[in-house]
Amino acid sequence: PAHPDLADLGEPVAIRGHCDDIASGASSVSRVMQRVRDHVAESGTACHPQTLALGKASGRNDPRDFWRFIDIPIEIETIKLPVKDEKTDRIAVETFPILHPHRVLAYIM
């Protein structure tokens, strides 16, 4: 495959490597996700099931998708925030998933 570093994305060592790259600034979540999407496009179904699922994520929110698909013991919490609808000027409360950066860093350090 064109991206051999992604061949075993479902393996803990590869996951930790990608997390380390992101934490050190060597790569961004968006760049990792693009490499995963490219790898899945080139490999089809001949890759790890977790890599396949991650590569087919929507791409609208790469950080959320990456951390949701990577099986790490970090709790995803939700917060409720007011959101204004620009068309109606109404405010609605919506729920958003969040990861606490200090928990992510504590896991990968």
N, C-alpha and C. Protein backbone atom coordinates (compact mmCIF):
# COMPACT_ATOMS: atom_id res chain seq x y z
N PRO A 1 0.82 -1.21 0.00
CA PRO A 1 0.00 0.00 0.00
C PRO A 1 0.86 1.27 0.00
N ALA A 2 0.28 2.36 -0.44
CA ALA A 2 1.01 3.61 -0.52
C ALA A 2 1.35 4.17 0.86
N HIS A 3 0.60 3.80 1.85
CA HIS A 3 0.81 4.30 3.21
C HIS A 3 1.00 3.13 4.16
N PRO A 4 2.18 2.50 4.14
CA PRO A 4 2.39 1.32 4.97
C PRO A 4 2.27 1.60 6.46
N ASP A 5 2.48 2.85 6.88
CA ASP A 5 2.35 3.17 8.29
C ASP A 5 0.91 3.07 8.77
N LEU A 6 -0.03 3.00 7.84
CA LEU A 6 -1.44 2.89 8.20
C LEU A 6 -1.95 1.46 8.07
N ALA A 7 -1.12 0.55 7.60
CA ALA A 7 -1.57 -0.80 7.34
C ALA A 7 -2.13 -1.48 8.58
N ASP A 8 -1.59 -1.16 9.75
CA ASP A 8 -2.04 -1.79 10.98
C ASP A 8 -2.60 -0.76 11.95
N LEU A 9 -3.39 0.17 11.44
CA LEU A 9 -3.89 1.26 12.28
C LEU A 9 -4.63 0.72 13.50
N GLY A 10 -5.25 -0.44 13.38
CA GLY A 10 -5.99 -0.99 14.51
C GLY A 10 -5.11 -1.56 15.59
N GLU A 11 -3.82 -1.70 15.34
CA GLU A 11 -2.90 -2.24 16.34
C GLU A 11 -2.51 -1.14 17.32
N PRO A 12 -2.39 -1.47 18.61
CA PRO A 12 -2.08 -0.45 19.62
C PRO A 12 -0.80 0.34 19.34
N VAL A 13 0.24 -0.29 18.83
CA VAL A 13 1.49 0.42 18.57
C VAL A 13 1.30 1.47 17.50
N ALA A 14 0.59 1.14 16.42
CA ALA A 14 0.34 2.10 15.35
C ALA A 14 -0.55 3.24 15.84
N ILE A 15 -1.54 2.91 16.64
CA ILE A 15 -2.42 3.95 17.18
C ILE A 15 -1.60 4.92 18.03
N ARG A 16 -0.78 4.38 18.92
CA ARG A 16 0.04 5.24 19.78
C ARG A 16 0.98 6.10 18.94
N GLY A 17 1.52 5.53 17.84
CA GLY A 17 2.38 6.30 16.96
C GLY A 17 1.67 7.48 16.33
N HIS A 18 0.44 7.27 15.87
CA HIS A 18 -0.33 8.38 15.29
C HIS A 18 -0.69 9.40 16.36
N CYS A 19 -1.05 8.93 17.55
CA CYS A 19 -1.35 9.85 18.64
C CYS A 19 -0.12 10.66 19.01
N ASP A 20 1.06 10.00 19.05
CA ASP A 20 2.31 10.70 19.35
C ASP A 20 2.60 11.77 18.30
N ASP A 21 2.40 11.42 17.02
CA ASP A 21 2.63 12.39 15.94
C ASP A 21 1.74 13.61 16.10
N ILE A 22 0.49 13.36 16.46
CA ILE A 22 -0.46 14.47 16.62
C ILE A 22 -0.06 15.32 17.82
N ALA A 23 0.26 14.67 18.95
CA ALA A 23 0.62 15.40 20.17
C ALA A 23 1.89 16.21 20.01
N SER A 24 2.85 15.68 19.26
CA SER A 24 4.13 16.39 19.09
C SER A 24 4.07 17.49 18.04
N GLY A 25 2.99 17.52 17.28
CA GLY A 25 2.87 18.51 16.23
C GLY A 25 3.46 18.06 14.91
N ALA A 26 3.98 16.83 14.87
CA ALA A 26 4.56 16.30 13.63
C ALA A 26 3.48 16.08 12.58
N SER A 27 2.27 15.89 13.02
CA SER A 27 1.15 15.70 12.10
C SER A 27 -0.09 16.27 12.77
N SER A 28 -1.12 16.46 11.98
CA SER A 28 -2.39 16.92 12.54
C SER A 28 -3.41 15.81 12.37
N VAL A 29 -4.49 15.90 13.10
CA VAL A 29 -5.55 14.91 12.96
C VAL A 29 -6.06 14.91 11.52
N SER A 30 -6.19 16.08 10.94
CA SER A 30 -6.70 16.15 9.56
C SER A 30 -5.76 15.46 8.58
N ARG A 31 -4.44 15.63 8.77
CA ARG A 31 -3.48 14.96 7.88
C ARG A 31 -3.52 13.45 8.07
N VAL A 32 -3.61 12.99 9.32
CA VAL A 32 -3.71 11.55 9.58
C VAL A 32 -4.98 11.00 8.95
N MET A 33 -6.08 11.71 9.13
CA MET A 33 -7.36 11.24 8.58
C MET A 33 -7.29 11.20 7.05
N GLN A 34 -6.64 12.18 6.43
CA GLN A 34 -6.53 12.15 4.97
C GLN A 34 -5.70 10.96 4.52
N ARG A 35 -4.61 10.67 5.24
CA ARG A 35 -3.80 9.50 4.90
C ARG A 35 -4.61 8.21 5.06
N VAL A 36 -5.44 8.16 6.10
CA VAL A 36 -6.30 6.99 6.30
C VAL A 36 -7.29 6.86 5.14
N ARG A 37 -7.93 7.97 4.76
CA ARG A 37 -8.89 7.92 3.64
C ARG A 37 -8.21 7.49 2.35
N ASP A 38 -7.00 8.01 2.09
CA ASP A 38 -6.25 7.62 0.89
C ASP A 38 -5.91 6.13 0.93
N HIS A 39 -5.47 5.67 2.09
CA HIS A 39 -5.11 4.25 2.26
C HIS A 39 -6.31 3.35 2.01
N VAL A 40 -7.46 3.71 2.56
CA VAL A 40 -8.68 2.91 2.37
C VAL A 40 -9.11 2.94 0.91
N ALA A 41 -9.00 4.10 0.26
CA ALA A 41 -9.37 4.19 -1.16
C ALA A 41 -8.49 3.28 -2.02
N GLU A 42 -7.20 3.20 -1.68
CA GLU A 42 -6.27 2.37 -2.45
C GLU A 42 -6.39 0.89 -2.11
N SER A 43 -6.69 0.59 -0.84
CA SER A 43 -6.70 -0.80 -0.39
C SER A 43 -8.06 -1.47 -0.48
N GLY A 44 -9.10 -0.67 -0.55
CA GLY A 44 -10.43 -1.25 -0.53
C GLY A 44 -10.70 -1.92 0.80
N THR A 45 -11.14 -3.17 0.75
CA THR A 45 -11.45 -3.87 2.00
C THR A 45 -10.26 -4.66 2.53
N ALA A 46 -9.10 -4.53 1.89
CA ALA A 46 -7.92 -5.29 2.31
C ALA A 46 -7.13 -4.55 3.38
N CYS A 47 -7.80 -4.02 4.37
CA CYS A 47 -7.12 -3.37 5.47
C CYS A 47 -7.85 -3.71 6.77
N HIS A 48 -7.26 -3.35 7.87
CA HIS A 48 -7.83 -3.64 9.18
C HIS A 48 -9.25 -3.06 9.26
N PRO A 49 -10.19 -3.79 9.89
CA PRO A 49 -11.57 -3.29 9.97
C PRO A 49 -11.70 -1.91 10.60
N GLN A 50 -10.87 -1.62 11.61
CA GLN A 50 -10.94 -0.31 12.24
C GLN A 50 -10.44 0.78 11.28
N THR A 51 -9.41 0.46 10.50
CA THR A 51 -8.91 1.40 9.50
C THR A 51 -9.99 1.66 8.45
N LEU A 52 -10.66 0.60 8.02
CA LEU A 52 -11.73 0.73 7.03
C LEU A 52 -12.85 1.64 7.55
N ALA A 53 -13.28 1.41 8.79
CA ALA A 53 -14.34 2.24 9.37
C ALA A 53 -13.90 3.69 9.50
N LEU A 54 -12.68 3.90 9.96
CA LEU A 54 -12.16 5.25 10.12
C LEU A 54 -12.03 5.96 8.78
N GLY A 55 -11.59 5.23 7.75
CA GLY A 55 -11.43 5.80 6.42
C GLY A 55 -12.73 6.18 5.75
N LYS A 56 -13.83 5.61 6.23
CA LYS A 56 -15.13 5.92 5.65
C LYS A 56 -15.91 6.95 6.47
N ALA A 57 -15.25 7.54 7.47
CA ALA A 57 -15.89 8.58 8.28
C ALA A 57 -16.21 9.78 7.40
N SER A 58 -17.14 10.58 7.83
CA SER A 58 -17.67 11.67 7.02
C SER A 58 -16.64 12.70 6.57
N GLY A 59 -15.64 13.02 7.40
CA GLY A 59 -14.67 14.04 7.04
C GLY A 59 -15.12 15.44 7.43
N ARG A 60 -16.30 15.57 8.01
CA ARG A 60 -16.78 16.89 8.42
C ARG A 60 -16.20 17.34 9.75
N ASN A 61 -15.75 16.36 10.56
CA ASN A 61 -15.16 16.71 11.85
C ASN A 61 -14.09 15.68 12.16
N ASP A 62 -12.93 15.84 11.54
CA ASP A 62 -11.85 14.85 11.66
C ASP A 62 -11.42 14.58 13.09
N PRO A 63 -11.21 15.60 13.93
CA PRO A 63 -10.80 15.29 15.30
C PRO A 63 -11.81 14.40 16.04
N ARG A 64 -13.08 14.72 15.93
CA ARG A 64 -14.11 13.92 16.59
C ARG A 64 -14.09 12.49 16.06
N ASP A 65 -14.05 12.35 14.73
CA ASP A 65 -14.08 11.02 14.13
C ASP A 65 -12.85 10.20 14.52
N PHE A 66 -11.67 10.82 14.49
CA PHE A 66 -10.44 10.10 14.82
C PHE A 66 -10.51 9.55 16.23
N TRP A 67 -10.80 10.40 17.21
CA TRP A 67 -10.79 9.96 18.60
C TRP A 67 -11.95 9.04 18.91
N ARG A 68 -13.03 9.13 18.17
CA ARG A 68 -14.17 8.23 18.39
C ARG A 68 -13.86 6.82 17.89
N PHE A 69 -13.16 6.72 16.76
CA PHE A 69 -12.86 5.41 16.18
C PHE A 69 -11.67 4.73 16.84
N ILE A 70 -10.74 5.52 17.34
CA ILE A 70 -9.56 4.95 17.98
C ILE A 70 -9.98 4.50 19.38
N ASP A 71 -9.76 3.24 19.66
CA ASP A 71 -10.19 2.67 20.93
C ASP A 71 -9.18 2.99 22.02
N ILE A 72 -9.38 4.13 22.67
CA ILE A 72 -8.51 4.51 23.77
C ILE A 72 -9.39 4.74 24.99
N PRO A 73 -8.84 4.52 26.15
CA PRO A 73 -9.65 4.64 27.37
C PRO A 73 -9.85 6.08 27.85
N ILE A 74 -10.36 6.90 26.97
CA ILE A 74 -10.64 8.29 27.32
C ILE A 74 -12.13 8.52 27.10
N GLU A 75 -12.76 8.98 28.15
CA GLU A 75 -14.20 9.18 28.09
C GLU A 75 -14.55 10.40 27.23
N ILE A 76 -15.50 10.20 26.33
CA ILE A 76 -16.03 11.32 25.55
C ILE A 76 -17.21 11.87 26.34
N GLU A 77 -17.10 13.11 26.74
CA GLU A 77 -18.17 13.74 27.50
C GLU A 77 -18.99 14.62 26.57
N THR A 78 -20.14 15.00 27.03
CA THR A 78 -20.97 15.90 26.24
C THR A 78 -21.24 17.17 27.03
N ILE A 79 -21.37 18.25 26.29
CA ILE A 79 -21.74 19.52 26.90
C ILE A 79 -22.91 20.09 26.11
N LYS A 80 -23.70 20.88 26.78
CA LYS A 80 -24.84 21.54 26.14
C LYS A 80 -24.50 23.02 25.98
N LEU A 81 -24.67 23.49 24.75
CA LEU A 81 -24.37 24.88 24.44
C LEU A 81 -25.54 25.53 23.70
N PRO A 82 -25.77 26.81 23.95
CA PRO A 82 -26.79 27.51 23.19
C PRO A 82 -26.28 27.80 21.77
N VAL A 83 -27.12 27.56 20.80
CA VAL A 83 -26.76 27.80 19.40
C VAL A 83 -27.87 28.65 18.78
N LYS A 84 -27.44 29.75 18.15
CA LYS A 84 -28.41 30.65 17.54
C LYS A 84 -28.62 30.27 16.08
N ASP A 85 -29.86 30.11 15.69
CA ASP A 85 -30.21 29.85 14.30
C ASP A 85 -30.26 31.21 13.60
N GLU A 86 -29.34 31.41 12.67
CA GLU A 86 -29.23 32.71 12.00
C GLU A 86 -30.48 33.08 11.19
N LYS A 87 -31.20 32.08 10.71
CA LYS A 87 -32.39 32.37 9.90
C LYS A 87 -33.58 32.82 10.74
N THR A 88 -33.75 32.19 11.91
CA THR A 88 -34.93 32.49 12.72
C THR A 88 -34.61 33.34 13.96
N ASP A 89 -33.34 33.56 14.24
CA ASP A 89 -32.89 34.26 15.44
C ASP A 89 -33.29 33.56 16.74
N ARG A 90 -33.67 32.30 16.64
CA ARG A 90 -34.02 31.54 17.83
C ARG A 90 -32.76 30.86 18.38
N ILE A 91 -32.77 30.69 19.66
CA ILE A 91 -31.65 30.01 20.31
C ILE A 91 -32.13 28.65 20.79
N ALA A 92 -31.37 27.63 20.41
CA ALA A 92 -31.68 26.27 20.83
C ALA A 92 -30.46 25.72 21.56
N VAL A 93 -30.69 24.79 22.45
CA VAL A 93 -29.58 24.16 23.17
C VAL A 93 -29.26 22.84 22.46
N GLU A 94 -28.00 22.68 22.07
CA GLU A 94 -27.55 21.47 21.40
C GLU A 94 -26.47 20.79 22.22
N THR A 95 -26.35 19.49 22.04
CA THR A 95 -25.36 18.70 22.76
C THR A 95 -24.18 18.42 21.83
N PHE A 96 -22.95 18.63 22.35
CA PHE A 96 -21.74 18.40 21.58
C PHE A 96 -20.81 17.46 22.34
N PRO A 97 -20.16 16.51 21.63
CA PRO A 97 -19.18 15.65 22.29
C PRO A 97 -17.85 16.39 22.43
N ILE A 98 -17.16 16.16 23.55
CA ILE A 98 -15.85 16.78 23.75
C ILE A 98 -14.87 15.77 24.36
N LEU A 99 -13.61 15.99 24.07
CA LEU A 99 -12.52 15.27 24.73
C LEU A 99 -11.72 16.31 25.49
N HIS A 100 -11.38 16.01 26.71
CA HIS A 100 -10.54 16.93 27.48
C HIS A 100 -9.10 16.74 27.04
N PRO A 101 -8.45 17.80 26.54
CA PRO A 101 -7.07 17.68 26.04
C PRO A 101 -6.10 17.11 27.07
N HIS A 102 -6.27 17.45 28.35
CA HIS A 102 -5.35 16.95 29.37
C HIS A 102 -5.47 15.44 29.52
N ARG A 103 -6.66 14.88 29.29
CA ARG A 103 -6.81 13.43 29.36
C ARG A 103 -6.18 12.74 28.15
N VAL A 104 -6.31 13.35 26.98
CA VAL A 104 -5.69 12.80 25.78
C VAL A 104 -4.17 12.81 25.94
N LEU A 105 -3.63 13.95 26.38
CA LEU A 105 -2.18 14.06 26.56
C LEU A 105 -1.67 13.11 27.64
N ALA A 106 -2.43 12.95 28.71
CA ALA A 106 -2.01 12.02 29.77
C ALA A 106 -1.97 10.59 29.24
N TYR A 107 -2.87 10.25 28.35
CA TYR A 107 -2.89 8.90 27.79
C TYR A 107 -1.69 8.65 26.87
N ILE A 108 -1.36 9.62 26.04
CA ILE A 108 -0.31 9.37 25.05
C ILE A 108 1.10 9.67 25.55
N MET A 109 1.22 10.31 26.70
CA MET A 109 2.56 10.61 27.23
C MET A 109 3.15 9.41 27.94
